[in-house]
PDB file of N, CA and C in Angstrom:
ATOM      1  N   MET A   1     138.906  96.985 119.636  1.00  0.00           N
ATOM      2  CA  MET A   1     137.727  96.141 119.760  1.00  0.00           C
ATOM      3  C   MET A   1     138.429  94.812 119.160  1.00  0.00           C
ATOM      4  N   GLU A   2     138.253  93.653 119.846  1.00  0.00           N
ATOM      5  CA  GLU A   2     138.565  92.541 118.916  1.00  0.00           C
ATOM      6  C   GLU A   2     137.395  91.748 118.466  1.00  0.00           C
ATOM      7  N   VAL A   3     137.455  91.316 117.280  1.00  0.00           N
ATOM      8  CA  VAL A   3     136.014  90.574 116.648  1.00  0.00           C
ATOM      9  C   VAL A   3     136.385  89.316 116.737  1.00  0.00           C
ATOM     10  N   MET A   4     135.305  88.410 116.610  1.00  0.00           N
ATOM     11  CA  MET A   4     135.259  87.004 116.242  1.00  0.00           C
ATOM     12  C   MET A   4     134.445  86.786 114.909  1.00  0.00           C
ATOM     13  N   THR A   5     134.290  86.211 114.321  1.00  0.00           N
ATOM     14  CA  THR A   5     133.636  85.889 113.458  1.00  0.00           C
ATOM     15  C   THR A   5     132.874  84.160 113.572  1.00  0.00           C
ATOM     16  N   LEU A   6     131.681  84.133 113.619  1.00  0.00           N
ATOM     17  CA  LEU A   6     131.361  83.004 113.972  1.00  0.00           C
ATOM     18  C   LEU A   6     130.178  82.384 112.826  1.00  0.00           C
ATOM     19  N   GLU A   7     129.741  81.398 112.429  1.00  0.00           N
ATOM     20  CA  GLU A   7     128.960  81.199 111.232  1.00  0.00           C
ATOM     21  C   GLU A   7     127.549  80.411 112.055  1.00  0.00           C
ATOM     22  N   GLY A   8     126.571  80.465 111.333  1.00  0.00           N
ATOM     23  CA  GLY A   8     125.522  80.272 111.793  1.00  0.00           C
ATOM     24  C   GLY A   8     124.117  80.453 110.814  1.00  0.00           C
ATOM     25  N   VAL A   9     122.767  79.735 111.391  1.00  0.00           N
ATOM     26  CA  VAL A   9     122.080  80.137 110.509  1.00  0.00           C
ATOM     27  C   VAL A   9     120.589  80.298 111.246  1.00  0.00           C
ATOM     28  N   VAL A  10     119.562  80.775 110.868  1.00  0.00           N
ATOM     29  CA  VAL A  10     118.422  81.173 111.414  1.00  0.00           C
ATOM     30  C   VAL A  10     117.360  80.036 111.503  1.00  0.00           C
ATOM     31  N   ASP A  11     116.941  79.450 112.784  1.00  0.00           N
ATOM     32  CA  ASP A  11     116.060  78.419 112.717  1.00  0.00           C
ATOM     33  C   ASP A  11     114.791  78.599 113.752  1.00  0.00           C
ATOM     34  N   LYS A  12     113.795  79.013 113.340  1.00  0.00           N
ATOM     35  CA  LYS A  12     112.513  79.196 113.822  1.00  0.00           C
ATOM     36  C   LYS A  12     112.838  80.627 114.466  1.00  0.00           C
ATOM     37  N   GLY A  13     113.267  81.900 113.893  1.00  0.00           N
ATOM     38  CA  GLY A  13     113.607  82.907 114.855  1.00  0.00           C
ATOM     39  C   GLY A  13     114.732  83.039 115.376  1.00  0.00           C
ATOM     40  N   GLN A  14     115.520  82.092 115.627  1.00  0.00           N
ATOM     41  CA  GLN A  14     116.491  82.059 116.677  1.00  0.00           C
ATOM     42  C   GLN A  14     117.709  81.899 115.889  1.00  0.00           C
ATOM     43  N   ILE A  15     118.782  82.522 116.203  1.00  0.00           N
ATOM     44  CA  ILE A  15     120.026  82.484 115.515  1.00  0.00           C
ATOM     45  C   ILE A  15     120.975  81.338 116.289  1.00  0.00           C
ATOM     46  N   ARG A  16     121.255  79.951 115.298  1.00  0.00           N
ATOM     47  CA  ARG A  16     121.865  78.894 115.873  1.00  0.00           C
ATOM     48  C   ARG A  16     123.568  79.162 115.201  1.00  0.00           C
ATOM     49  N   LEU A  17     124.322  79.183 116.245  1.00  0.00           N
ATOM     50  CA  LEU A  17     125.611  79.108 116.036  1.00  0.00           C
ATOM     51  C   LEU A  17     126.133  77.628 115.479  1.00  0.00           C
ATOM     52  N   LYS A  18     126.562  77.466 114.107  1.00  0.00           N
ATOM     53  CA  LYS A  18     127.233  76.298 113.541  1.00  0.00           C
ATOM     54  C   LYS A  18     128.321  75.494 114.764  1.00  0.00           C
ATOM     55  N   ALA A  19     129.004  76.440 114.989  1.00  0.00           N
ATOM     56  CA  ALA A  19     130.294  76.019 115.830  1.00  0.00           C
ATOM     57  C   ALA A  19     129.707  75.899 117.525  1.00  0.00           C
ATOM     58  N   ASP A  20     130.158  74.728 118.284  1.00  0.00           N
ATOM     59  CA  ASP A  20     129.997  74.720 119.820  1.00  0.00           C
ATOM     60  C   ASP A  20     130.542  75.898 120.350  1.00  0.00           C
ATOM     61  N   VAL A  21     129.934  77.078 120.459  1.00  0.00           N
ATOM     62  CA  VAL A  21     130.123  78.112 121.204  1.00  0.00           C
ATOM     63  C   VAL A  21     129.236  78.522 121.964  1.00  0.00           C
ATOM     64  N   GLN A  22     129.863  79.007 123.405  1.00  0.00           N
ATOM     65  CA  GLN A  22     128.663  79.579 124.346  1.00  0.00           C
ATOM     66  C   GLN A  22     129.457  81.018 124.393  1.00  0.00           C
ATOM     67  N   LEU A  23     128.247  81.843 124.449  1.00  0.00           N
ATOM     68  CA  LEU A  23     128.777  83.418 124.450  1.00  0.00           C
ATOM     69  C   LEU A  23     127.762  83.545 125.753  1.00  0.00           C
ATOM     70  N   PRO A  24     128.390  84.498 126.636  1.00  0.00           N
ATOM     71  CA  PRO A  24     127.388  84.927 128.279  1.00  0.00           C
ATOM     72  C   PRO A  24     126.345  85.703 127.613  1.00  0.00           C
ATOM     73  N   ASP A  25     125.432  85.683 128.555  1.00  0.00           N
ATOM     74  CA  ASP A  25     124.013  86.316 128.039  1.00  0.00           C
ATOM     75  C   ASP A  25     124.611  87.760 127.969  1.00  0.00           C
ATOM     76  N   LYS A  26     123.863  88.336 127.359  1.00  0.00           N
ATOM     77  CA  LYS A  26     123.780  89.787 127.320  1.00  0.00           C
ATOM     78  C   LYS A  26     125.166  90.023 126.398  1.00  0.00           C
ATOM     79  N   THR A  27     125.804  89.175 125.739  1.00  0.00           N
ATOM     80  CA  THR A  27     126.802  89.684 124.783  1.00  0.00           C
ATOM     81  C   THR A  27     126.511  90.751 123.798  1.00  0.00           C
ATOM     82  N   LEU A  28     126.930  91.505 123.325  1.00  0.00           N
ATOM     83  CA  LEU A  28     126.495  92.598 122.094  1.00  0.00           C
ATOM     84  C   LEU A  28     127.093  91.674 120.961  1.00  0.00           C
ATOM     85  N   VAL A  29     126.151  91.411 120.189  1.00  0.00           N
ATOM     86  CA  VAL A  29     126.530  90.834 118.874  1.00  0.00           C
ATOM     87  C   VAL A  29     126.036  91.539 117.602  1.00  0.00           C
ATOM     88  N   TYR A  30     126.628  91.434 116.497  1.00  0.00           N
ATOM     89  CA  TYR A  30     126.299  92.167 115.181  1.00  0.00           C
ATOM     90  C   TYR A  30     126.116  91.107 114.021  1.00  0.00           C
ATOM     91  N   VAL A  31     124.733  91.277 113.629  1.00  0.00           N
ATOM     92  CA  VAL A  31     124.556  89.939 112.738  1.00  0.00           C
ATOM     93  C   VAL A  31     124.930  90.553 111.237  1.00  0.00           C
ATOM     94  N   ILE A  32     125.464  90.171 110.240  1.00  0.00           N
ATOM     95  CA  ILE A  32     125.792  90.471 109.002  1.00  0.00           C
ATOM     96  C   ILE A  32     125.165  89.162 108.246  1.00  0.00           C
ATOM     97  N   VAL A  33     124.059  89.705 107.215  1.00  0.00           N
ATOM     98  CA  VAL A  33     123.185  88.547 106.356  1.00  0.00           C
ATOM     99  C   VAL A  33     123.721  88.744 104.975  1.00  0.00           C
ATOM    100  N   PRO A  34     124.679  87.819 104.227  1.00  0.00           N
ATOM    101  CA  PRO A  34     125.273  88.154 103.101  1.00  0.00           C
ATOM    102  C   PRO A  34     124.304  87.393 101.920  1.00  0.00           C
ATOM    103  N   GLY A  35     124.214  88.201 100.835  1.00  0.00           N
ATOM    104  CA  GLY A  35     123.392  87.426  99.691  1.00  0.00           C
ATOM    105  C   GLY A  35     121.889  87.780  99.900  1.00  0.00           C
ATOM    106  N   VAL A  36     121.427  88.845 100.623  1.00  0.00           N
ATOM    107  CA  VAL A  36     120.045  89.318 100.945  1.00  0.00           C
ATOM    108  C   VAL A  36     120.032  90.627 100.337  1.00  0.00           C
ATOM    109  N   HIS A  37     119.292  90.815  99.329  1.00  0.00           N
ATOM    110  CA  HIS A  37     118.676  92.288  98.778  1.00  0.00           C
ATOM    111  C   HIS A  37     117.481  92.624  99.546  1.00  0.00           C
ATOM    112  N   THR A  38     117.781  93.948 100.082  1.00  0.00           N
ATOM    113  CA  THR A  38     116.337  94.617 100.821  1.00  0.00           C
ATOM    114  C   THR A  38     115.887  95.975 100.146  1.00  0.00           C
ATOM    115  N   THR A  39     114.927  96.193 100.262  1.00  0.00           N
ATOM    116  CA  THR A  39     114.613  97.484  99.697  1.00  0.00           C
ATOM    117  C   THR A  39     115.284  98.638 100.560  1.00  0.00           C
ATOM    118  N   GLY A  40     114.862  99.636 100.145  1.00  0.00           N
ATOM    119  CA  GLY A  40     115.467 101.034 100.571  1.00  0.00           C
ATOM    120  C   GLY A  40     114.634 100.691 101.920  1.00  0.00           C
ATOM    121  N   THR A  41     115.164 101.614 103.213  1.00  0.00           N
ATOM    122  CA  THR A  41     114.883 101.847 104.150  1.00  0.00           C
ATOM    123  C   THR A  41     114.451 103.448 104.278  1.00  0.00           C
ATOM    124  N   VAL A  42     113.547 103.483 105.375  1.00  0.00           N
ATOM    125  CA  VAL A  42     112.908 104.890 105.623  1.00  0.00           C
ATOM    126  C   VAL A  42     113.661 105.317 106.756  1.00  0.00           C
ATOM    127  N   ARG A  43     114.048 106.377 106.695  1.00  0.00           N
ATOM    128  CA  ARG A  43     114.434 106.973 108.188  1.00  0.00           C
ATOM    129  C   ARG A  43     113.449 108.346 108.511  1.00  0.00           C
ATOM    130  N   ALA A  44     112.577 108.040 109.404  1.00  0.00           N
ATOM    131  CA  ALA A  44     112.033 109.396 110.038  1.00  0.00           C
ATOM    132  C   ALA A  44     112.688 110.450 111.074  1.00  0.00           C
ATOM    133  N   VAL A  45     113.183 111.586 110.761  1.00  0.00           N
ATOM    134  CA  VAL A  45     113.725 112.503 111.448  1.00  0.00           C
ATOM    135  C   VAL A  45     112.963 113.437 111.832  1.00  0.00           C
ATOM    136  N   SER A  46     113.345 114.212 113.111  1.00  0.00           N
ATOM    137  CA  SER A  46     112.510 115.230 113.508  1.00  0.00           C
ATOM    138  C   SER A  46     113.083 116.447 112.503  1.00  0.00           C
ATOM    139  N   PRO A  47     112.106 117.165 112.421  1.00  0.00           N
ATOM    140  CA  PRO A  47     112.256 118.391 111.232  1.00  0.00           C
ATOM    141  C   PRO A  47     112.818 119.404 111.654  1.00  0.00           C
ATOM    142  N   HIS A  48     113.696 120.091 111.373  1.00  0.00           N
ATOM    143  CA  HIS A  48     114.563 120.952 111.706  1.00  0.00           C
ATOM    144  C   HIS A  48     114.139 122.475 110.715  1.00  0.00           C
ATOM    145  N   LEU A  49     114.609 123.270 111.363  1.00  0.00           N
ATOM    146  CA  LEU A  49     114.374 124.949 110.468  1.00  0.00           C
ATOM    147  C   LEU A  49     115.061 125.103 109.560  1.00  0.00           C
ATOM    148  N   VAL A  50     115.044 125.596 108.106  1.00  0.00           N
ATOM    149  CA  VAL A  50     116.246 125.758 107.731  1.00  0.00           C
ATOM    150  C   VAL A  50     116.771 127.143 107.762  1.00  0.00           C
ATOM    151  N   HIS A  51     116.255 128.229 108.524  1.00  0.00           N
ATOM    152  CA  HIS A  51     116.700 129.261 108.878  1.00  0.00           C
ATOM    153  C   HIS A  51     116.208 129.845 110.490  1.00  0.00           C
ATOM    154  N   ARG A  52     117.300 129.771 110.994  1.00  0.00           N
ATOM    155  CA  ARG A  52     116.999 129.952 112.291  1.00  0.00           C
ATOM    156  C   ARG A  52     115.994 131.160 112.581  1.00  0.00           C
ATOM    157  N   ASN A  53     116.000 132.172 111.960  1.00  0.00           N
ATOM    158  CA  ASN A  53     115.043 133.427 112.168  1.00  0.00           C
ATOM    159  C   ASN A  53     113.440 132.846 112.160  1.00  0.00           C
ATOM    160  N   GLN A  54     113.299 131.436 111.523  1.00  0.00           N
ATOM    161  CA  GLN A  54     111.722 130.951 111.199  1.00  0.00           C
ATOM    162  C   GLN A  54     111.499 130.498 112.718  1.00  0.00           C
ATOM    163  N   ALA A  55     112.139 130.483 113.740  1.00  0.00           N
ATOM    164  CA  ALA A  55     111.801 130.158 115.245  1.00  0.00           C
ATOM    165  C   ALA A  55     110.881 130.955 115.477  1.00  0.00           C
ATOM    166  N   THR A  56     110.594 132.143 115.380  1.00  0.00           N
ATOM    167  CA  THR A  56     109.671 133.133 115.931  1.00  0.00           C
ATOM    168  C   THR A  56     108.240 132.701 115.328  1.00  0.00           C
ATOM    169  N   ASP A  57     108.287 132.016 114.030  1.00  0.00           N
ATOM    170  CA  ASP A  57     106.917 131.424 113.785  1.00  0.00           C
ATOM    171  C   ASP A  57     106.085 130.425 114.503  1.00  0.00           C
ATOM    172  N   PHE A  58     106.898 130.039 115.636  1.00  0.00           N
ATOM    173  CA  PHE A  58     106.584 128.957 116.622  1.00  0.00           C
ATOM    174  C   PHE A  58     106.789 129.156 117.927  1.00  0.00           C
ATOM    175  N   VAL A  59     106.322 130.305 118.131  1.00  0.00           N
ATOM    176  CA  VAL A  59     106.394 130.640 119.594  1.00  0.00           C
ATOM    177  C   VAL A  59     105.004 130.525 120.077  1.00  0.00           C
ATOM    178  N   MET A  60     105.101 129.919 121.386  1.00  0.00           N
ATOM    179  CA  MET A  60     104.299 129.356 122.073  1.00  0.00           C
ATOM    180  C   MET A  60     103.425 130.377 122.878  1.00  0.00           C
ATOM    181  N   GLN A  61     102.041 130.392 122.727  1.00  0.00           N
ATOM    182  CA  GLN A  61     101.315 131.329 123.633  1.00  0.00           C
ATOM    183  C   GLN A  61     100.375 130.421 124.497  1.00  0.00           C
ATOM    184  N   VAL A  62     100.492 130.562 125.948  1.00  0.00           N
ATOM    185  CA  VAL A  62      99.657 130.228 126.757  1.00  0.00           C
ATOM    186  C   VAL A  62      98.505 130.975 127.347  1.00  0.00           C
ATOM    187  N   ILE A  63      97.483 130.201 127.411  1.00  0.00           N
ATOM    188  CA  ILE A  63      96.312 130.970 127.785  1.00  0.00           C
ATOM    189  C   ILE A  63      95.766 130.236 129.170  1.00  0.00           C
ATOM    190  N   GLU A  64      95.890 130.820 130.146  1.00  0.00           N
ATOM    191  CA  GLU A  64      95.556 130.083 131.592  1.00  0.00           C
ATOM    192  C   GLU A  64      93.673 130.392 131.742  1.00  0.00           C
ATOM    193  N   ALA A  65      93.345 129.407 132.035  1.00  0.00           N
ATOM    194  CA  ALA A  65      91.666 129.107 132.281  1.00  0.00           C
ATOM    195  C   ALA A  65      91.456 129.641 133.531  1.00  0.00           C
ATOM    196  N   ASP A  66      90.289 129.957 133.881  1.00  0.00           N
ATOM    197  CA  ASP A  66      89.940 130.331 135.258  1.00  0.00           C
ATOM    198  C   ASP A  66      89.891 128.801 135.908  1.00  0.00           C
ATOM    199  N   ALA A  67      90.111 129.028 137.398  1.00  0.00           N
ATOM    200  CA  ALA A  67      90.161 127.824 137.920  1.00  0.00           C
ATOM    201  C   ALA A  67      88.635 127.046 138.050  1.00  0.00           C
ATOM    202  N   ASP A  68      87.600 127.928 137.943  1.00  0.00           N
ATOM    203  CA  ASP A  68      86.302 127.520 138.064  1.00  0.00           C
ATOM    204  C   ASP A  68      85.782 126.988 136.672  1.00  0.00           C
ATOM    205  N   ALA A  69      86.477 127.100 135.629  1.00  0.00           N
ATOM    206  CA  ALA A  69      86.179 127.073 134.320  1.00  0.00           C
ATOM    207  C   ALA A  69      85.747 125.757 134.127  1.00  0.00           C
ATOM    208  N   ALA A  70      84.277 125.542 133.348  1.00  0.00           N
ATOM    209  CA  ALA A  70      83.600 124.124 133.203  1.00  0.00           C
ATOM    210  C   ALA A  70      84.546 123.378 132.087  1.00  0.00           C
ATOM    211  N   LEU A  71      84.749 122.026 132.159  1.00  0.00           N
ATOM    212  CA  LEU A  71      85.368 121.236 131.243  1.00  0.00           C
ATOM    213  C   LEU A  71      84.520 120.756 130.332  1.00  0.00           C
TER     214      LEU A  71
END
């Protein structure tokens, strides 16, 4: 993968490149922000079972209602 480094600034929420560079629409770019301290991030992941045998604790039971049952 080739990498090009460009310098720019954020102006009213838009990234403006300092150099006179034209990038094609939909070009994938990565933004690195130097000198900015952020607080820790939170990552929410799907829960996982510790032991495979715990899967039986989550067996689904299907109960079919009568076709003319009132809602």
